[in-house]
Amino acid sequence: MFKVYVTFKTGDRHLDTDWCDEKKLMQSLYRLIHGPVARLNIIKEIRVVDQDDCIVFLSQLGKQIFPHIPQQENNHVVQN
């Protein structure tokens, strides 16, 4: 089970998805990374935590921070 938190560039924080399974998590991340909000470029951070409150995914300003991936593959935000 996972929770997805979003922090916007304004500093506002939002619980996007509350205690979801892996399928719903992937749908939420896809929407946040590739959907309309991503194109608006207003998301500062996407944070996914598990039941133990451990971070399992972290993205800041369109770059995946955790888990680490090579820099050349590390730009997942859709560019206008």
N, C-alpha and C. Protein backbone atom coordinates (compact mmCIF):
# COMPACT_ATOMS: atom_id res chain seq x y z
N MET A 1 0.84 -1.18 0.00
CA MET A 1 0.00 0.00 0.00
C MET A 1 0.88 1.25 0.00
N PHE A 2 0.42 2.26 -0.72
CA PHE A 2 1.22 3.46 -0.93
C PHE A 2 0.37 4.73 -0.81
N LYS A 3 1.05 5.83 -0.49
CA LYS A 3 0.47 7.16 -0.54
C LYS A 3 1.32 8.01 -1.47
N VAL A 4 0.65 8.89 -2.23
CA VAL A 4 1.36 9.78 -3.15
C VAL A 4 1.10 11.22 -2.71
N TYR A 5 2.19 11.91 -2.37
CA TYR A 5 2.12 13.31 -1.97
C TYR A 5 2.70 14.19 -3.08
N VAL A 6 2.08 15.33 -3.30
CA VAL A 6 2.56 16.28 -4.29
C VAL A 6 2.80 17.62 -3.60
N THR A 7 3.95 18.24 -3.88
CA THR A 7 4.22 19.60 -3.43
C THR A 7 4.33 20.46 -4.68
N PHE A 8 3.56 21.54 -4.69
CA PHE A 8 3.56 22.44 -5.84
C PHE A 8 4.61 23.52 -5.64
N LYS A 9 4.99 24.20 -6.70
CA LYS A 9 6.00 25.25 -6.61
C LYS A 9 5.56 26.40 -5.72
N THR A 10 4.26 26.51 -5.45
CA THR A 10 3.75 27.54 -4.53
C THR A 10 4.03 27.17 -3.08
N GLY A 11 4.42 25.91 -2.83
CA GLY A 11 4.64 25.43 -1.48
C GLY A 11 3.47 24.64 -0.93
N ASP A 12 2.34 24.67 -1.62
CA ASP A 12 1.17 23.89 -1.18
C ASP A 12 1.46 22.41 -1.33
N ARG A 13 1.00 21.62 -0.32
CA ARG A 13 1.17 20.17 -0.35
C ARG A 13 -0.21 19.54 -0.48
N HIS A 14 -0.23 18.39 -1.15
CA HIS A 14 -1.50 17.72 -1.43
C HIS A 14 -1.30 16.22 -1.37
N LEU A 15 -2.19 15.53 -0.67
CA LEU A 15 -2.21 14.07 -0.70
C LEU A 15 -2.97 13.68 -1.95
N ASP A 16 -2.26 13.25 -2.97
CA ASP A 16 -2.88 12.95 -4.26
C ASP A 16 -3.61 11.61 -4.24
N THR A 17 -2.96 10.59 -3.69
CA THR A 17 -3.53 9.25 -3.68
C THR A 17 -3.31 8.64 -2.31
N ASP A 18 -4.39 8.17 -1.70
CA ASP A 18 -4.34 7.66 -0.32
C ASP A 18 -4.43 6.14 -0.30
N TRP A 19 -3.46 5.50 0.28
CA TRP A 19 -3.39 4.05 0.46
C TRP A 19 -3.92 3.27 -0.72
N CYS A 20 -3.10 3.21 -1.74
CA CYS A 20 -3.47 2.52 -2.97
C CYS A 20 -2.55 1.32 -3.20
N ASP A 21 -2.98 0.45 -4.10
CA ASP A 21 -2.15 -0.68 -4.48
C ASP A 21 -1.18 -0.25 -5.59
N GLU A 22 -0.36 -1.18 -6.04
CA GLU A 22 0.67 -0.84 -7.02
C GLU A 22 0.08 -0.38 -8.36
N LYS A 23 -1.01 -0.99 -8.79
CA LYS A 23 -1.63 -0.60 -10.06
C LYS A 23 -2.11 0.85 -10.01
N LYS A 24 -2.80 1.22 -8.94
CA LYS A 24 -3.29 2.59 -8.79
C LYS A 24 -2.11 3.56 -8.64
N LEU A 25 -1.07 3.14 -7.95
CA LEU A 25 0.13 3.96 -7.81
C LEU A 25 0.72 4.30 -9.17
N MET A 26 0.86 3.31 -10.02
CA MET A 26 1.44 3.53 -11.34
C MET A 26 0.55 4.45 -12.18
N GLN A 27 -0.76 4.32 -12.06
CA GLN A 27 -1.68 5.20 -12.77
C GLN A 27 -1.52 6.64 -12.28
N SER A 28 -1.41 6.81 -10.97
CA SER A 28 -1.25 8.15 -10.39
C SER A 28 0.06 8.78 -10.82
N LEU A 29 1.15 8.02 -10.76
CA LEU A 29 2.44 8.56 -11.18
C LEU A 29 2.44 8.91 -12.66
N TYR A 30 1.85 8.08 -13.48
CA TYR A 30 1.78 8.38 -14.91
C TYR A 30 1.04 9.70 -15.14
N ARG A 31 -0.09 9.85 -14.45
CA ARG A 31 -0.89 11.08 -14.59
C ARG A 31 -0.10 12.30 -14.14
N LEU A 32 0.60 12.19 -13.01
CA LEU A 32 1.36 13.33 -12.48
C LEU A 32 2.60 13.66 -13.32
N ILE A 33 3.21 12.65 -13.91
CA ILE A 33 4.44 12.85 -14.66
C ILE A 33 4.19 13.23 -16.11
N HIS A 34 3.09 12.73 -16.69
CA HIS A 34 2.86 12.94 -18.12
C HIS A 34 1.56 13.70 -18.43
N GLY A 35 0.73 13.93 -17.45
CA GLY A 35 -0.57 14.54 -17.67
C GLY A 35 -0.53 16.06 -17.73
N PRO A 36 -1.71 16.68 -17.70
CA PRO A 36 -1.83 18.14 -17.82
C PRO A 36 -1.03 18.92 -16.77
N VAL A 37 -1.01 18.43 -15.54
CA VAL A 37 -0.29 19.15 -14.48
C VAL A 37 1.21 19.17 -14.78
N ALA A 38 1.73 18.07 -15.32
CA ALA A 38 3.15 18.03 -15.69
C ALA A 38 3.45 19.06 -16.78
N ARG A 39 2.55 19.19 -17.72
CA ARG A 39 2.76 20.16 -18.81
C ARG A 39 2.71 21.60 -18.32
N LEU A 40 1.96 21.83 -17.24
CA LEU A 40 1.90 23.18 -16.67
C LEU A 40 3.17 23.53 -15.89
N ASN A 41 3.98 22.50 -15.57
CA ASN A 41 5.24 22.69 -14.87
C ASN A 41 5.05 23.38 -13.51
N ILE A 42 4.07 22.90 -12.73
CA ILE A 42 3.80 23.51 -11.43
C ILE A 42 4.12 22.58 -10.26
N ILE A 43 4.59 21.36 -10.55
CA ILE A 43 4.91 20.41 -9.49
C ILE A 43 6.37 20.56 -9.09
N LYS A 44 6.58 20.75 -7.80
CA LYS A 44 7.95 20.82 -7.26
C LYS A 44 8.44 19.42 -6.88
N GLU A 45 7.54 18.62 -6.26
CA GLU A 45 7.97 17.32 -5.75
C GLU A 45 6.83 16.32 -5.79
N ILE A 46 7.17 15.08 -6.15
CA ILE A 46 6.27 13.95 -6.02
C ILE A 46 6.96 12.97 -5.09
N ARG A 47 6.26 12.58 -4.04
CA ARG A 47 6.84 11.68 -3.04
C ARG A 47 5.88 10.52 -2.81
N VAL A 48 6.39 9.30 -2.92
CA VAL A 48 5.59 8.10 -2.66
C VAL A 48 6.15 7.43 -1.42
N VAL A 49 5.28 7.14 -0.47
CA VAL A 49 5.69 6.43 0.75
C VAL A 49 4.90 5.14 0.89
N ASP A 50 5.52 4.17 1.54
CA ASP A 50 4.85 2.90 1.77
C ASP A 50 4.26 2.85 3.17
N GLN A 51 3.73 1.70 3.55
CA GLN A 51 3.07 1.54 4.84
C GLN A 51 3.99 1.81 6.03
N ASP A 52 5.28 1.62 5.83
CA ASP A 52 6.26 1.86 6.90
C ASP A 52 6.77 3.29 6.89
N ASP A 53 6.15 4.16 6.09
CA ASP A 53 6.52 5.56 5.95
C ASP A 53 7.91 5.74 5.35
N CYS A 54 8.33 4.77 4.54
CA CYS A 54 9.60 4.85 3.83
C CYS A 54 9.35 5.42 2.43
N ILE A 55 10.24 6.28 1.98
CA ILE A 55 10.12 6.83 0.64
C ILE A 55 10.52 5.75 -0.37
N VAL A 56 9.63 5.47 -1.32
CA VAL A 56 9.93 4.49 -2.36
C VAL A 56 10.09 5.14 -3.73
N PHE A 57 9.68 6.41 -3.85
CA PHE A 57 9.88 7.18 -5.07
C PHE A 57 9.92 8.65 -4.70
N LEU A 58 10.87 9.38 -5.29
CA LEU A 58 10.98 10.82 -5.06
C LEU A 58 11.41 11.50 -6.35
N SER A 59 10.64 12.49 -6.74
CA SER A 59 10.95 13.30 -7.91
C SER A 59 10.90 14.76 -7.48
N GLN A 60 11.91 15.53 -7.87
CA GLN A 60 11.96 16.96 -7.55
C GLN A 60 12.25 17.74 -8.82
N LEU A 61 11.38 18.71 -9.10
CA LEU A 61 11.53 19.58 -10.27
C LEU A 61 11.73 18.79 -11.56
N GLY A 62 10.96 17.71 -11.70
CA GLY A 62 11.00 16.93 -12.93
C GLY A 62 12.14 15.94 -13.04
N LYS A 63 12.93 15.79 -12.00
CA LYS A 63 14.05 14.84 -12.01
C LYS A 63 13.81 13.77 -10.96
N GLN A 64 13.99 12.52 -11.35
CA GLN A 64 13.85 11.42 -10.40
C GLN A 64 15.07 11.38 -9.50
N ILE A 65 14.84 11.52 -8.19
CA ILE A 65 15.91 11.53 -7.20
C ILE A 65 16.11 10.12 -6.62
N PHE A 66 14.99 9.46 -6.30
CA PHE A 66 15.05 8.12 -5.71
C PHE A 66 13.93 7.27 -6.29
N PRO A 67 14.19 6.04 -6.68
CA PRO A 67 15.51 5.43 -6.75
C PRO A 67 16.35 6.08 -7.84
N HIS A 68 17.63 6.05 -7.63
CA HIS A 68 18.58 6.72 -8.53
C HIS A 68 18.58 6.04 -9.89
N ILE A 69 18.59 6.86 -10.95
CA ILE A 69 18.77 6.37 -12.31
C ILE A 69 19.85 7.23 -12.96
N PRO A 70 20.52 6.73 -13.99
CA PRO A 70 21.56 7.52 -14.66
C PRO A 70 21.02 8.85 -15.18
N GLN A 71 21.82 9.89 -15.13
CA GLN A 71 21.41 11.25 -15.48
C GLN A 71 20.82 11.35 -16.88
N GLN A 72 21.38 10.65 -17.86
CA GLN A 72 20.88 10.76 -19.23
C GLN A 72 19.46 10.26 -19.38
N GLU A 73 18.98 9.43 -18.46
CA GLU A 73 17.62 8.91 -18.50
C GLU A 73 16.72 9.63 -17.50
N ASN A 74 17.18 10.72 -16.90
CA ASN A 74 16.53 11.30 -15.74
C ASN A 74 15.76 12.58 -16.04
N ASN A 75 15.01 12.62 -17.10
CA ASN A 75 14.15 13.75 -17.35
C ASN A 75 12.80 13.23 -17.83
N HIS A 76 11.91 12.98 -16.87
CA HIS A 76 10.65 12.31 -17.21
C HIS A 76 9.49 13.28 -17.43
N VAL A 77 9.70 14.58 -17.25
CA VAL A 77 8.62 15.53 -17.46
C VAL A 77 8.50 15.84 -18.94
N VAL A 78 7.27 15.87 -19.42
CA VAL A 78 7.02 16.18 -20.82
C VAL A 78 7.43 17.62 -21.09
N GLN A 79 8.23 17.83 -22.11
CA GLN A 79 8.67 19.18 -22.48
C GLN A 79 7.72 19.77 -23.49
N ASN A 80 7.40 21.05 -23.34
CA ASN A 80 6.49 21.73 -24.29
C ASN A 80 7.24 22.12 -25.54
